[in-house]
Amino acid sequence: DSFKYDLIFCHMVLGGLSDKEAALAIGDMIQRLNFSGIVIMVEAVNNMQPRLHTKWKARAQESYMPLIAGIEWSILGETYENDDCLKVIMGKFSS
């Protein structure tokens, strides 16, 4: 189908997927964006140490910001919850 969106919001979903599935999901979100649209993702990141209390993955923030031609990524903010750093990541087409 050809639906395009102005906003795609993904909150604490990708950490439950395998690395391959997460990369595919991010690519699918980008493909569904209108040119002026944005993707917002809130995900646990942990660049320092592995998580011991859950099977949910906390990847490096860069894994949620893949190099995709014409897409720019930025960190809008962060907060901490249960020793996890949650990053708010935005992706949009370069202007």
C-alpha atoms as a PDB file:
ATOM      1  CA  ASP A   1       0.000   0.000   0.000  1.00  0.00           C
ATOM      2  CA  SER A   2       1.028   3.595  -0.441  1.00  0.00           C
ATOM      3  CA  PHE A   3       0.186   5.224   2.901  1.00  0.00           C
ATOM      4  CA  LYS A   4       2.642   7.893   4.025  1.00  0.00           C
ATOM      5  CA  TYR A   5       2.734   9.465   7.466  1.00  0.00           C
ATOM      6  CA  ASP A   6       3.697  12.809   8.970  1.00  0.00           C
ATOM      7  CA  LEU A   7       4.592  11.278  12.337  1.00  0.00           C
ATOM      8  CA  ILE A   8       5.625   7.776  13.358  1.00  0.00           C
ATOM      9  CA  PHE A   9       6.120   7.271  17.092  1.00  0.00           C
ATOM     10  CA  CYS A  10       7.802   4.123  18.399  1.00  0.00           C
ATOM     11  CA  HIS A  11       8.117   3.777  22.180  1.00  0.00           C
ATOM     12  CA  MET A  12      10.054   0.908  23.770  1.00  0.00           C
ATOM     13  CA  VAL A  13       9.379  -1.582  20.971  1.00  0.00           C
ATOM     14  CA  LEU A  14      12.660  -2.104  19.130  1.00  0.00           C
ATOM     15  CA  GLY A  15      14.516  -3.434  22.177  1.00  0.00           C
ATOM     16  CA  GLY A  16      12.249  -6.483  22.060  1.00  0.00           C
ATOM     17  CA  LEU A  17      13.318  -7.331  18.511  1.00  0.00           C
ATOM     18  CA  SER A  18      16.408  -9.043  17.172  1.00  0.00           C
ATOM     19  CA  ASP A  19      19.086  -6.807  15.631  1.00  0.00           C
ATOM     20  CA  LYS A  20      17.906  -7.733  12.126  1.00  0.00           C
ATOM     21  CA  GLU A  21      14.226  -7.146  12.931  1.00  0.00           C
ATOM     22  CA  ALA A  22      14.989  -3.781  14.557  1.00  0.00           C
ATOM     23  CA  ALA A  23      16.964  -2.631  11.506  1.00  0.00           C
ATOM     24  CA  LEU A  24      14.127  -3.736   9.193  1.00  0.00           C
ATOM     25  CA  ALA A  25      11.550  -1.936  11.357  1.00  0.00           C
ATOM     26  CA  ILE A  26      13.542   1.319  11.278  1.00  0.00           C
ATOM     27  CA  GLY A  27      13.889   1.048   7.494  1.00  0.00           C
ATOM     28  CA  ASP A  28      10.147   0.408   7.138  1.00  0.00           C
ATOM     29  CA  MET A  29       9.338   3.458   9.267  1.00  0.00           C
ATOM     30  CA  ILE A  30      11.557   5.662   7.101  1.00  0.00           C
ATOM     31  CA  GLN A  31       9.948   4.320   3.911  1.00  0.00           C
ATOM     32  CA  ARG A  32       6.505   5.242   5.273  1.00  0.00           C
ATOM     33  CA  LEU A  33       7.368   8.893   5.959  1.00  0.00           C
ATOM     34  CA  ASN A  34       6.105  11.860   3.997  1.00  0.00           C
ATOM     35  CA  PHE A  35       9.017  14.039   2.919  1.00  0.00           C
ATOM     36  CA  SER A  36       8.220  16.508   5.724  1.00  0.00           C
ATOM     37  CA  GLY A  37       7.451  13.756   8.260  1.00  0.00           C
ATOM     38  CA  ILE A  38       9.425  12.632  11.303  1.00  0.00           C
ATOM     39  CA  VAL A  39      10.092   9.394  13.150  1.00  0.00           C
ATOM     40  CA  ILE A  40      10.346   9.613  16.936  1.00  0.00           C
ATOM     41  CA  MET A  41      11.762   6.616  18.796  1.00  0.00           C
ATOM     42  CA  VAL A  42      12.131   6.246  22.554  1.00  0.00           C
ATOM     43  CA  GLU A  43      14.421   3.336  23.333  1.00  0.00           C
ATOM     44  CA  ALA A  44      16.703   2.162  26.114  1.00  0.00           C
ATOM     45  CA  VAL A  45      20.347   2.640  25.205  1.00  0.00           C
ATOM     46  CA  ASN A  46      23.334   1.422  27.095  1.00  0.00           C
ATOM     47  CA  ASN A  47      26.696   2.149  25.607  1.00  0.00           C
ATOM     48  CA  MET A  48      28.599   1.069  28.707  1.00  0.00           C
ATOM     49  CA  GLN A  49      27.433  -2.304  30.057  1.00  0.00           C
ATOM     50  CA  PRO A  50      25.036  -5.165  29.298  1.00  0.00           C
ATOM     51  CA  ARG A  51      21.658  -5.366  31.016  1.00  0.00           C
ATOM     52  CA  LEU A  52      21.463  -8.108  33.598  1.00  0.00           C
ATOM     53  CA  HIS A  53      17.835  -7.866  34.729  1.00  0.00           C
ATOM     54  CA  THR A  54      15.942  -8.445  31.468  1.00  0.00           C
ATOM     55  CA  LYS A  55      16.129 -10.072  28.052  1.00  0.00           C
ATOM     56  CA  TRP A  56      15.033  -6.752  26.483  1.00  0.00           C
ATOM     57  CA  LYS A  57      17.991  -5.280  24.593  1.00  0.00           C
ATOM     58  CA  ALA A  58      19.533  -1.918  25.320  1.00  0.00           C
ATOM     59  CA  ARG A  59      21.591  -1.276  22.214  1.00  0.00           C
ATOM     60  CA  ALA A  60      24.058   1.487  21.480  1.00  0.00           C
ATOM     61  CA  GLN A  61      22.174   4.603  20.377  1.00  0.00           C
ATOM     62  CA  GLU A  62      23.900   4.459  16.988  1.00  0.00           C
ATOM     63  CA  SER A  63      22.086   1.222  16.171  1.00  0.00           C
ATOM     64  CA  TYR A  64      18.814   3.195  16.247  1.00  0.00           C
ATOM     65  CA  MET A  65      20.295   5.820  13.928  1.00  0.00           C
ATOM     66  CA  PRO A  66      21.414   3.853  10.844  1.00  0.00           C
ATOM     67  CA  LEU A  67      23.128   5.523   7.930  1.00  0.00           C
ATOM     68  CA  ILE A  68      20.317   5.908   5.399  1.00  0.00           C
ATOM     69  CA  ALA A  69      20.875   8.212   2.432  1.00  0.00           C
ATOM     70  CA  GLY A  70      18.910  11.435   2.844  1.00  0.00           C
ATOM     71  CA  ILE A  71      17.991  10.838   6.499  1.00  0.00           C
ATOM     72  CA  GLU A  72      19.346  12.880   9.395  1.00  0.00           C
ATOM     73  CA  TRP A  73      19.124  11.761  13.013  1.00  0.00           C
ATOM     74  CA  SER A  74      19.243  13.697  16.244  1.00  0.00           C
ATOM     75  CA  ILE A  75      18.853  13.095  19.967  1.00  0.00           C
ATOM     76  CA  LEU A  76      16.013  15.196  21.364  1.00  0.00           C
ATOM     77  CA  GLY A  77      16.504  14.229  24.992  1.00  0.00           C
ATOM     78  CA  GLU A  78      17.087  11.515  27.535  1.00  0.00           C
ATOM     79  CA  THR A  79      15.848  10.325  30.901  1.00  0.00           C
ATOM     80  CA  TYR A  80      16.818   7.545  33.284  1.00  0.00           C
ATOM     81  CA  GLU A  81      14.547   4.768  34.475  1.00  0.00           C
ATOM     82  CA  ASN A  82      15.636   1.727  36.510  1.00  0.00           C
ATOM     83  CA  ASP A  83      19.302   2.272  35.643  1.00  0.00           C
ATOM     84  CA  ASP A  84      18.473   2.496  31.940  1.00  0.00           C
ATOM     85  CA  CYS A  85      19.049   5.563  29.813  1.00  0.00           C
ATOM     86  CA  LEU A  86      16.061   6.204  27.543  1.00  0.00           C
ATOM     87  CA  LYS A  87      16.896   8.291  24.501  1.00  0.00           C
ATOM     88  CA  VAL A  88      14.401  10.234  22.410  1.00  0.00           C
ATOM     89  CA  ILE A  89      15.673   9.896  18.843  1.00  0.00           C
ATOM     90  CA  MET A  90      14.304  11.761  15.841  1.00  0.00           C
ATOM     91  CA  GLY A  91      14.791  10.898  12.190  1.00  0.00           C
ATOM     92  CA  LYS A  92      13.727  13.024   9.212  1.00  0.00           C
ATOM     93  CA  PHE A  93      14.610  13.652   5.606  1.00  0.00           C
ATOM     94  CA  SER A  94      17.451  16.102   5.107  1.00  0.00           C
ATOM     95  CA  SER A  95      16.191  19.464   3.882  1.00  0.00           C
END
